[in-house]
Amino acid sequence: MAINSVQPTTPFEQIARSLVDRFDANKDGQLTTEEFTAFLSNFMTSAGTPNQHASQAAVAAQDNGLKLGTVKPKMLGFDTGKMADPTHDSVKYKFARVAKQYSIEGVTSKDAAEQLLNTMKGDLEAAGLNVLDIKNDKIKIRGDQGQDLWVDVLKAVGSGQAKSWIWLSERA
């Protein structure tokens, strides 16, 4: 159903109609890519988000929803049911939900792994993880029982083998 056929009855439909009316430059009742881009630019600016974040978001969207690449990462030792269940909130699965969004195809060394984990730190903390330190392909976090843990989270970095996300924890 095209936006121009929406009869505004709900608050969301009224907002959609209002946005189309405001940003439909040629008044054809539909938003072209250019008109929608103008809306997004206006929205991102009014939200106080720099244009560089909008560019990064566009790149991520083009990469099949993955950040920093196009190859979906392998997730060794993670249960897909637990990953899909937001009520399963152990630190392992909080990590997994973030990690599955990040491609690891460009990680060829422990330094590259550390850079990737530092890039992910904000998302990990937003997911509720307390990231205490990052070194090579390991993160130090506050565990489920309040203990500090070092966790090896990338398998086979620099070995030439297929890389994957893993969860190998040890006490700090």
Foldseek 3Di string as FASTA:
>chain_A
DALLPDDDDDPVNVVSQVLCVVQVPVPPSHADPVSVVVVVVVVCVVVVHDVVVVVQVVVCVVLVQAHPHNDFFAEPPDDVVLLVDLVNQFLVSLVVVLVRRYDCVPQQWLVSLQVVVVVSVVVSVVSPWAFDDGGRQWTWTQGPVRFIKIWRFWPPRNPPDRIHGYTDIDGD
